[in-house]
Amino acid sequence: MVSFLGLLPRTLTTFLFALTALLRFYGNSESVPIPRFPLTYLQWSFWAFIAATTALVVNLGLEWHAGHQRRYREAEAREIAIETREVAVETREITNRTRDVAVETREIAARERDRAAYRTRLQTKCLAAIMGCQLAPNPRSKQRLRDLLTLLEEYSDLL
């Protein structure tokens, strides 16, 4: 819906230019229409023309301002949309990094569990070999104990 104030400058400009033309071309140039103001029709048309031109300049200024406001709002909306997209991308990147860190943490924990399980198995084998050697000191149990000691010396830095 068009507001009255939006139409007023255009309507006023049109009316004043029409009044200027009417006074200029259809008025008697020697007569004074209003006795209190000693102006002729031509002088009245001049002042109507000045008022119409002023209204036109004001209307152009209002239109110019409205156009700049609209372009400013559109540019601001584009900037907000770009910032929103950038924030969404950053959020996705943070989520991906968090997910990658969680996966890496789980992998490290799994490796540590495997290493701990391997260490436990090795300790169990060593205890079994030591007990077997103490209970039955035969060459087979001594050889088994030597093999486990060699294994421990070889892989001690990994445990």
C-alpha atoms as a PDB file:
ATOM      1  CA  MET A   1       0.000   0.000   0.000  1.00  0.00           C
ATOM      2  CA  VAL A   2       1.324   3.420  -0.930  1.00  0.00           C
ATOM      3  CA  SER A   3       1.413   5.931   1.899  1.00  0.00           C
ATOM      4  CA  PHE A   4       0.222   9.511   1.620  1.00  0.00           C
ATOM      5  CA  LEU A   5       3.607  10.912   2.633  1.00  0.00           C
ATOM      6  CA  GLY A   6       5.248   8.859  -0.099  1.00  0.00           C
ATOM      7  CA  LEU A   7       2.958  10.391  -2.710  1.00  0.00           C
ATOM      8  CA  LEU A   8       2.990  13.947  -1.336  1.00  0.00           C
ATOM      9  CA  PRO A   9       6.278  15.200  -2.881  1.00  0.00           C
ATOM     10  CA  ARG A  10       5.407  13.866  -6.342  1.00  0.00           C
ATOM     11  CA  THR A  11       1.852  15.148  -6.192  1.00  0.00           C
ATOM     12  CA  LEU A  12       2.919  18.560  -4.910  1.00  0.00           C
ATOM     13  CA  THR A  13       5.542  18.861  -7.650  1.00  0.00           C
ATOM     14  CA  THR A  14       3.033  17.937 -10.348  1.00  0.00           C
ATOM     15  CA  PHE A  15       0.426  20.348  -8.975  1.00  0.00           C
ATOM     16  CA  LEU A  16       2.883  23.244  -8.754  1.00  0.00           C
ATOM     17  CA  PHE A  17       4.183  22.710 -12.292  1.00  0.00           C
ATOM     18  CA  ALA A  18       0.602  22.541 -13.574  1.00  0.00           C
ATOM     19  CA  LEU A  19      -0.225  25.754 -11.678  1.00  0.00           C
ATOM     20  CA  THR A  20       2.871  27.408 -13.154  1.00  0.00           C
ATOM     21  CA  ALA A  21       1.799  26.466 -16.661  1.00  0.00           C
ATOM     22  CA  LEU A  22      -1.771  27.623 -16.016  1.00  0.00           C
ATOM     23  CA  LEU A  23      -0.677  30.998 -14.635  1.00  0.00           C
ATOM     24  CA  ARG A  24       1.960  31.474 -17.300  1.00  0.00           C
ATOM     25  CA  PHE A  25      -0.052  30.730 -20.392  1.00  0.00           C
ATOM     26  CA  TYR A  26      -3.634  31.495 -19.408  1.00  0.00           C
ATOM     27  CA  GLY A  27      -3.297  34.445 -17.085  1.00  0.00           C
ATOM     28  CA  ASN A  28      -3.483  38.089 -17.970  1.00  0.00           C
ATOM     29  CA  SER A  29       0.004  39.447 -17.498  1.00  0.00           C
ATOM     30  CA  GLU A  30      -1.107  42.902 -16.331  1.00  0.00           C
ATOM     31  CA  SER A  31      -3.751  42.028 -13.748  1.00  0.00           C
ATOM     32  CA  VAL A  32      -3.125  41.439 -10.050  1.00  0.00           C
ATOM     33  CA  PRO A  33      -5.188  38.470  -8.763  1.00  0.00           C
ATOM     34  CA  ILE A  34      -4.769  39.189  -5.025  1.00  0.00           C
ATOM     35  CA  PRO A  35      -4.978  42.894  -4.076  1.00  0.00           C
ATOM     36  CA  ARG A  36      -2.872  42.570  -0.923  1.00  0.00           C
ATOM     37  CA  PHE A  37       0.069  41.130  -2.902  1.00  0.00           C
ATOM     38  CA  PRO A  38       1.012  43.354  -5.808  1.00  0.00           C
ATOM     39  CA  LEU A  39       2.199  40.455  -8.035  1.00  0.00           C
ATOM     40  CA  THR A  40       1.005  39.809 -11.562  1.00  0.00           C
ATOM     41  CA  TYR A  41       0.092  36.396 -12.953  1.00  0.00           C
ATOM     42  CA  LEU A  42       3.558  36.078 -14.505  1.00  0.00           C
ATOM     43  CA  GLN A  43       5.210  36.819 -11.180  1.00  0.00           C
ATOM     44  CA  TRP A  44       2.931  34.328  -9.431  1.00  0.00           C
ATOM     45  CA  SER A  45       3.856  31.725 -12.071  1.00  0.00           C
ATOM     46  CA  PHE A  46       7.550  32.439 -11.414  1.00  0.00           C
ATOM     47  CA  TRP A  47       7.107  31.822  -7.669  1.00  0.00           C
ATOM     48  CA  ALA A  48       5.037  28.692  -8.371  1.00  0.00           C
ATOM     49  CA  PHE A  49       7.852  27.497 -10.654  1.00  0.00           C
ATOM     50  CA  ILE A  50      10.419  28.144  -7.888  1.00  0.00           C
ATOM     51  CA  ALA A  51       8.243  26.214  -5.390  1.00  0.00           C
ATOM     52  CA  ALA A  52       7.752  23.352  -7.891  1.00  0.00           C
ATOM     53  CA  THR A  53      11.488  23.165  -8.578  1.00  0.00           C
ATOM     54  CA  THR A  54      12.193  23.145  -4.836  1.00  0.00           C
ATOM     55  CA  ALA A  55       9.641  20.350  -4.339  1.00  0.00           C
ATOM     56  CA  LEU A  56      11.260  18.447  -7.222  1.00  0.00           C
ATOM     57  CA  VAL A  57      14.729  18.774  -5.677  1.00  0.00           C
ATOM     58  CA  VAL A  58      13.351  17.634  -2.302  1.00  0.00           C
ATOM     59  CA  ASN A  59      11.649  14.682  -4.000  1.00  0.00           C
ATOM     60  CA  LEU A  60      14.887  13.744  -5.771  1.00  0.00           C
ATOM     61  CA  GLY A  61      16.732  13.941  -2.459  1.00  0.00           C
ATOM     62  CA  LEU A  62      14.165  11.691  -0.782  1.00  0.00           C
ATOM     63  CA  GLU A  63      14.310   9.169  -3.625  1.00  0.00           C
ATOM     64  CA  TRP A  64      18.119   9.254  -3.584  1.00  0.00           C
ATOM     65  CA  HIS A  65      18.151   8.678   0.173  1.00  0.00           C
ATOM     66  CA  ALA A  66      15.637   5.820  -0.081  1.00  0.00           C
ATOM     67  CA  GLY A  67      17.710   4.200  -2.834  1.00  0.00           C
ATOM     68  CA  HIS A  68      20.881   4.445  -0.767  1.00  0.00           C
ATOM     69  CA  GLN A  69      19.108   3.024   2.270  1.00  0.00           C
ATOM     70  CA  ARG A  70      17.801   0.092   0.241  1.00  0.00           C
ATOM     71  CA  ARG A  71      21.244  -0.624  -1.241  1.00  0.00           C
ATOM     72  CA  TYR A  72      22.811  -0.310   2.206  1.00  0.00           C
ATOM     73  CA  ARG A  73      20.285  -2.765   3.666  1.00  0.00           C
ATOM     74  CA  GLU A  74      20.886  -5.200   0.798  1.00  0.00           C
ATOM     75  CA  ALA A  75      24.663  -4.961   1.226  1.00  0.00           C
ATOM     76  CA  GLU A  76      24.287  -5.445   4.961  1.00  0.00           C
ATOM     77  CA  ALA A  77      22.058  -8.489   4.395  1.00  0.00           C
ATOM     78  CA  ARG A  78      24.666  -9.940   2.003  1.00  0.00           C
ATOM     79  CA  GLU A  79      27.417  -9.364   4.574  1.00  0.00           C
ATOM     80  CA  ILE A  80      25.336 -11.027   7.285  1.00  0.00           C
ATOM     81  CA  ALA A  81      24.681 -13.993   4.984  1.00  0.00           C
ATOM     82  CA  ILE A  82      28.407 -14.280   4.210  1.00  0.00           C
ATOM     83  CA  GLU A  83      29.289 -14.068   7.907  1.00  0.00           C
ATOM     84  CA  THR A  84      26.655 -16.700   8.693  1.00  0.00           C
ATOM     85  CA  ARG A  85      28.128 -19.016   6.055  1.00  0.00           C
ATOM     86  CA  GLU A  86      31.640 -18.408   7.397  1.00  0.00           C
ATOM     87  CA  VAL A  87      30.499 -19.177  10.946  1.00  0.00           C
ATOM     88  CA  ALA A  88      28.820 -22.364   9.696  1.00  0.00           C
ATOM     89  CA  VAL A  89      32.019 -23.408   7.901  1.00  0.00           C
ATOM     90  CA  GLU A  90      34.105 -22.667  10.998  1.00  0.00           C
ATOM     91  CA  THR A  91      31.648 -24.635  13.142  1.00  0.00           C
ATOM     92  CA  ARG A  92      31.891 -27.589  10.747  1.00  0.00           C
ATOM     93  CA  GLU A  93      35.692 -27.384  10.815  1.00  0.00           C
ATOM     94  CA  ILE A  94      35.706 -27.300  14.617  1.00  0.00           C
ATOM     95  CA  THR A  95      33.323 -30.266  14.691  1.00  0.00           C
ATOM     96  CA  ASN A  96      35.529 -32.180  12.255  1.00  0.00           C
ATOM     97  CA  ARG A  97      38.650 -31.375  14.276  1.00  0.00           C
ATOM     98  CA  THR A  98      36.900 -32.447  17.482  1.00  0.00           C
ATOM     99  CA  ARG A  99      35.790 -35.678  15.821  1.00  0.00           C
ATOM    100  CA  ASP A 100      39.335 -36.304  14.541  1.00  0.00           C
ATOM    101  CA  VAL A 101      40.783 -35.696  18.006  1.00  0.00           C
ATOM    102  CA  ALA A 102      38.220 -38.085  19.513  1.00  0.00           C
ATOM    103  CA  VAL A 103      39.075 -40.763  16.926  1.00  0.00           C
ATOM    104  CA  GLU A 104      42.784 -40.281  17.562  1.00  0.00           C
ATOM    105  CA  THR A 105      42.219 -40.482  21.318  1.00  0.00           C
ATOM    106  CA  ARG A 106      40.261 -43.719  20.893  1.00  0.00           C
ATOM    107  CA  GLU A 107      43.033 -45.150  18.697  1.00  0.00           C
ATOM    108  CA  ILE A 108      45.679 -44.217  21.261  1.00  0.00           C
ATOM    109  CA  ALA A 109      43.576 -45.773  24.027  1.00  0.00           C
ATOM    110  CA  ALA A 110      43.127 -48.944  21.944  1.00  0.00           C
ATOM    111  CA  ARG A 111      46.893 -49.159  21.332  1.00  0.00           C
ATOM    112  CA  GLU A 112      47.534 -48.692  25.046  1.00  0.00           C
ATOM    113  CA  ARG A 113      45.003 -51.417  25.883  1.00  0.00           C
ATOM    114  CA  ASP A 114      46.632 -53.763  23.374  1.00  0.00           C
ATOM    115  CA  ARG A 115      50.083 -52.961  24.760  1.00  0.00           C
ATOM    116  CA  ALA A 116      48.845 -53.519  28.328  1.00  0.00           C
ATOM    117  CA  ALA A 117      47.232 -56.824  27.323  1.00  0.00           C
ATOM    118  CA  TYR A 118      50.447 -57.916  25.590  1.00  0.00           C
ATOM    119  CA  ARG A 119      52.453 -56.929  28.669  1.00  0.00           C
ATOM    120  CA  THR A 120      50.083 -58.893  30.887  1.00  0.00           C
ATOM    121  CA  ARG A 121      50.347 -61.981  28.653  1.00  0.00           C
ATOM    122  CA  LEU A 122      54.132 -61.702  28.684  1.00  0.00           C
ATOM    123  CA  GLN A 123      54.197 -61.342  32.466  1.00  0.00           C
ATOM    124  CA  THR A 124      51.935 -64.353  32.777  1.00  0.00           C
ATOM    125  CA  LYS A 125      54.246 -66.391  30.540  1.00  0.00           C
ATOM    126  CA  CYS A 126      57.266 -65.254  32.556  1.00  0.00           C
ATOM    127  CA  LEU A 127      55.617 -66.154  35.853  1.00  0.00           C
ATOM    128  CA  ALA A 128      54.578 -69.516  34.451  1.00  0.00           C
ATOM    129  CA  ALA A 129      58.131 -70.172  33.204  1.00  0.00           C
ATOM    130  CA  ILE A 130      59.685 -69.104  36.527  1.00  0.00           C
ATOM    131  CA  MET A 131      57.282 -71.278  38.511  1.00  0.00           C
ATOM    132  CA  GLY A 132      57.812 -74.176  36.108  1.00  0.00           C
ATOM    133  CA  CYS A 133      61.568 -73.838  36.491  1.00  0.00           C
ATOM    134  CA  GLN A 134      61.305 -73.686  40.281  1.00  0.00           C
ATOM    135  CA  LEU A 135      58.911 -76.623  40.524  1.00  0.00           C
ATOM    136  CA  ALA A 136      60.607 -78.836  37.926  1.00  0.00           C
ATOM    137  CA  PRO A 137      64.134 -77.700  37.113  1.00  0.00           C
ATOM    138  CA  ASN A 138      64.539 -79.662  33.885  1.00  0.00           C
ATOM    139  CA  PRO A 139      66.323 -78.471  30.706  1.00  0.00           C
ATOM    140  CA  ARG A 140      63.051 -77.812  28.885  1.00  0.00           C
ATOM    141  CA  SER A 141      61.764 -75.334  31.503  1.00  0.00           C
ATOM    142  CA  LYS A 142      65.198 -73.667  31.676  1.00  0.00           C
ATOM    143  CA  GLN A 143      65.198 -73.270  27.877  1.00  0.00           C
ATOM    144  CA  ARG A 144      61.723 -71.779  28.005  1.00  0.00           C
ATOM    145  CA  LEU A 145      62.858 -69.322  30.698  1.00  0.00           C
ATOM    146  CA  ARG A 146      65.912 -68.352  28.599  1.00  0.00           C
ATOM    147  CA  ASP A 147      63.663 -67.744  25.545  1.00  0.00           C
ATOM    148  CA  LEU A 148      61.388 -65.484  27.571  1.00  0.00           C
ATOM    149  CA  LEU A 149      64.361 -63.551  28.969  1.00  0.00           C
ATOM    150  CA  THR A 150      65.692 -63.079  25.433  1.00  0.00           C
ATOM    151  CA  LEU A 151      62.260 -61.863  24.339  1.00  0.00           C
ATOM    152  CA  LEU A 152      62.113 -59.436  27.275  1.00  0.00           C
ATOM    153  CA  GLU A 153      65.565 -58.062  26.511  1.00  0.00           C
ATOM    154  CA  GLU A 154      64.743 -57.686  22.824  1.00  0.00           C
ATOM    155  CA  TYR A 155      61.382 -55.955  23.245  1.00  0.00           C
ATOM    156  CA  SER A 156      61.930 -54.172  26.559  1.00  0.00           C
ATOM    157  CA  ASP A 157      61.788 -50.710  24.952  1.00  0.00           C
ATOM    158  CA  LEU A 158      58.355 -51.444  23.440  1.00  0.00           C
ATOM    159  CA  LEU A 159      56.865 -52.513  26.728  1.00  0.00           C
END
